[in-house]
Amino acid sequence: MQGGYIIFLTDQENRVSPISWASRKLRRVCRSTIAAETMALLDASESCYWLSHIINELMNEPLSKTLIYTDNRSLVDAAHSTTAVEEKRLRVDLSAIRESITHNKFELKWVDTRNQLADTLTKQGADSTKLLDTLFNGRL
């Protein structure tokens, strides 16, 4: 399975600029869509965390909260729930996500698939119009 993400830096006027992106084969075999989406989310959150530390050192002031958007409703529900999932490895990954949310490392939000900009990095034939528009206009 393929995973991918785009990280945008946003100012207070909601202008955006991409600062990192990735599209690659997931590091392990996933038995479900939610497991694959969770792996991609963990990759994105680790990159966000690393980039925020670099930017913090350069600017000498903390960044605002990191927002991570996914179009997988099941993942958002599982991350904000205490109910255990069946797959044992997925439990561990979701626990890491829950802990990051609890410690305000990022906020996880759902976005409709039609508005998911990173789909063009992972799905063949995905419409790239919204991503190109965002890159051209500098606004989400």
Protein backbone atom coordinates (compact mmCIF):
# COMPACT_ATOMS: atom_id res chain seq x y z
CA MET A 1 0.00 0.00 0.00
CA GLN A 2 1.02 3.57 -0.68
CA GLY A 3 1.05 6.32 1.94
CA GLY A 4 1.52 10.01 1.50
CA TYR A 5 1.16 13.45 3.03
CA ILE A 6 1.72 17.15 2.36
CA ILE A 7 2.78 19.52 5.13
CA PHE A 8 1.85 23.17 4.73
CA LEU A 9 3.16 26.07 6.76
CA THR A 10 0.30 28.51 7.36
CA ASP A 11 0.41 32.12 8.49
CA GLN A 12 -2.21 34.04 10.47
CA GLU A 13 -3.89 35.19 7.26
CA ASN A 14 -4.32 31.54 6.18
CA ARG A 15 -1.77 31.76 3.38
CA VAL A 16 -0.03 28.43 2.92
CA SER A 17 3.18 27.08 1.50
CA PRO A 18 4.12 23.40 1.21
CA ILE A 19 7.29 22.67 3.17
CA SER A 20 7.38 18.87 3.03
CA TRP A 21 5.65 16.05 1.21
CA ALA A 22 6.09 12.34 0.71
CA SER A 23 4.61 9.48 -1.25
CA ARG A 24 6.03 6.05 -0.61
CA LYS A 25 5.26 2.44 0.00
CA LEU A 26 4.21 1.84 3.60
CA ARG A 27 6.87 0.30 5.84
CA ARG A 28 4.86 -2.81 6.63
CA VAL A 29 1.98 -4.81 5.25
CA CYS A 30 -1.38 -3.57 6.48
CA ARG A 31 -4.40 -5.80 6.80
CA SER A 32 -6.97 -3.02 6.66
CA THR A 33 -7.54 0.46 5.31
CA ILE A 34 -7.56 1.95 8.80
CA ALA A 35 -4.16 0.35 9.52
CA ALA A 36 -2.72 1.85 6.32
CA GLU A 37 -4.19 5.27 7.07
CA THR A 38 -2.82 5.05 10.62
CA MET A 39 0.69 4.29 9.31
CA ALA A 40 0.50 7.27 6.94
CA LEU A 41 -0.75 9.48 9.79
CA LEU A 42 2.14 8.42 12.02
CA ASP A 43 4.63 9.25 9.25
CA ALA A 44 3.04 12.67 8.75
CA SER A 45 2.91 13.43 12.47
CA GLU A 46 6.58 12.51 12.94
CA SER A 47 7.54 14.82 10.08
CA CYS A 48 5.40 17.63 11.51
CA TYR A 49 6.99 17.21 14.91
CA TRP A 50 10.52 17.28 13.45
CA LEU A 51 9.80 20.31 11.24
CA SER A 52 8.16 22.24 14.08
CA HIS A 53 11.31 21.79 16.18
CA ILE A 54 13.51 23.06 13.36
CA ILE A 55 11.27 26.08 12.74
CA ASN A 56 11.08 26.76 16.48
CA GLU A 57 14.88 26.83 16.69
CA LEU A 58 15.14 29.17 13.70
CA MET A 59 12.44 31.58 14.85
CA ASN A 60 12.97 31.14 18.60
CA GLU A 61 9.24 30.99 19.25
CA PRO A 62 6.80 28.08 19.36
CA LEU A 63 4.48 27.40 16.45
CA SER A 64 0.73 27.20 16.74
CA LYS A 65 -0.93 23.83 17.08
CA THR A 66 -0.37 21.36 14.27
CA LEU A 67 -3.53 20.28 12.46
CA ILE A 68 -3.56 16.96 10.66
CA TYR A 69 -6.39 16.16 8.28
CA THR A 70 -7.45 12.69 7.16
CA ASP A 71 -10.34 11.58 5.01
CA ASN A 72 -10.69 8.33 6.96
CA ARG A 73 -13.58 8.82 9.38
CA SER A 74 -12.89 5.48 11.10
CA LEU A 75 -9.38 6.62 11.99
CA VAL A 76 -10.61 9.90 13.48
CA ASP A 77 -13.29 8.06 15.46
CA ALA A 78 -10.80 5.45 16.71
CA ALA A 79 -8.26 8.13 17.68
CA HIS A 80 -10.86 9.95 19.77
CA SER A 81 -12.32 6.80 21.35
CA THR A 82 -11.24 4.51 24.14
CA THR A 83 -12.71 1.45 22.46
CA ALA A 84 -10.07 -1.10 21.45
CA VAL A 85 -9.69 -2.28 17.87
CA GLU A 86 -9.17 -5.92 16.91
CA GLU A 87 -5.70 -5.74 15.34
CA LYS A 88 -3.05 -5.76 18.06
CA ARG A 89 -0.45 -3.73 16.11
CA LEU A 90 -3.12 -1.17 15.23
CA ARG A 91 -3.88 -0.80 18.97
CA VAL A 92 -0.28 0.23 19.59
CA ASP A 93 -0.29 2.73 16.72
CA LEU A 94 -3.61 4.23 17.80
CA SER A 95 -2.31 4.53 21.36
CA ALA A 96 0.61 6.59 20.07
CA ILE A 97 -1.80 8.83 18.16
CA ARG A 98 -4.09 9.22 21.19
CA GLU A 99 -1.12 10.13 23.38
CA SER A 100 0.05 12.76 20.87
CA ILE A 101 -3.45 14.26 20.76
CA THR A 102 -3.67 14.25 24.58
CA HIS A 103 -0.29 15.99 24.86
CA ASN A 104 -1.34 18.59 22.25
CA LYS A 105 1.33 17.60 19.74
CA PHE A 106 -1.32 17.79 17.03
CA GLU A 107 -5.05 17.95 16.47
CA LEU A 108 -6.65 15.35 14.21
CA LYS A 109 -9.54 16.43 12.00
CA TRP A 110 -11.65 14.74 9.37
CA VAL A 111 -11.92 16.18 5.86
CA ASP A 112 -14.19 14.99 3.07
CA THR A 113 -12.41 12.85 0.47
CA ARG A 114 -13.21 15.45 -2.21
CA ASN A 115 -11.08 17.95 -0.25
CA GLN A 116 -8.18 15.64 0.63
CA LEU A 117 -5.21 17.23 -1.13
CA ALA A 118 -2.78 14.34 -0.58
CA ASP A 119 -4.87 11.81 -2.51
CA THR A 120 -3.02 12.77 -5.69
CA LEU A 121 0.16 11.44 -4.05
CA THR A 122 -1.27 8.02 -3.27
CA LYS A 123 -4.16 7.19 -5.59
CA GLN A 124 -3.83 6.70 -9.31
CA GLY A 125 -6.32 8.84 -11.19
CA ALA A 126 -7.09 11.11 -8.21
CA ASP A 127 -8.16 14.62 -9.18
CA SER A 128 -5.26 17.03 -8.68
CA THR A 129 -7.30 20.20 -9.33
CA LYS A 130 -7.71 21.17 -5.66
CA LEU A 131 -4.03 20.63 -4.87
CA LEU A 132 -2.91 22.63 -7.91
CA ASP A 133 -5.35 25.40 -7.01
CA THR A 134 -4.00 25.49 -3.44
CA LEU A 135 -0.42 25.62 -4.66
CA PHE A 136 -1.17 28.33 -7.22
CA ASN A 137 -3.28 30.56 -4.93
CA GLY A 138 -1.46 29.86 -1.66
CA ARG A 139 -4.72 29.27 0.22
CA LEU A 140 -6.42 26.14 1.51
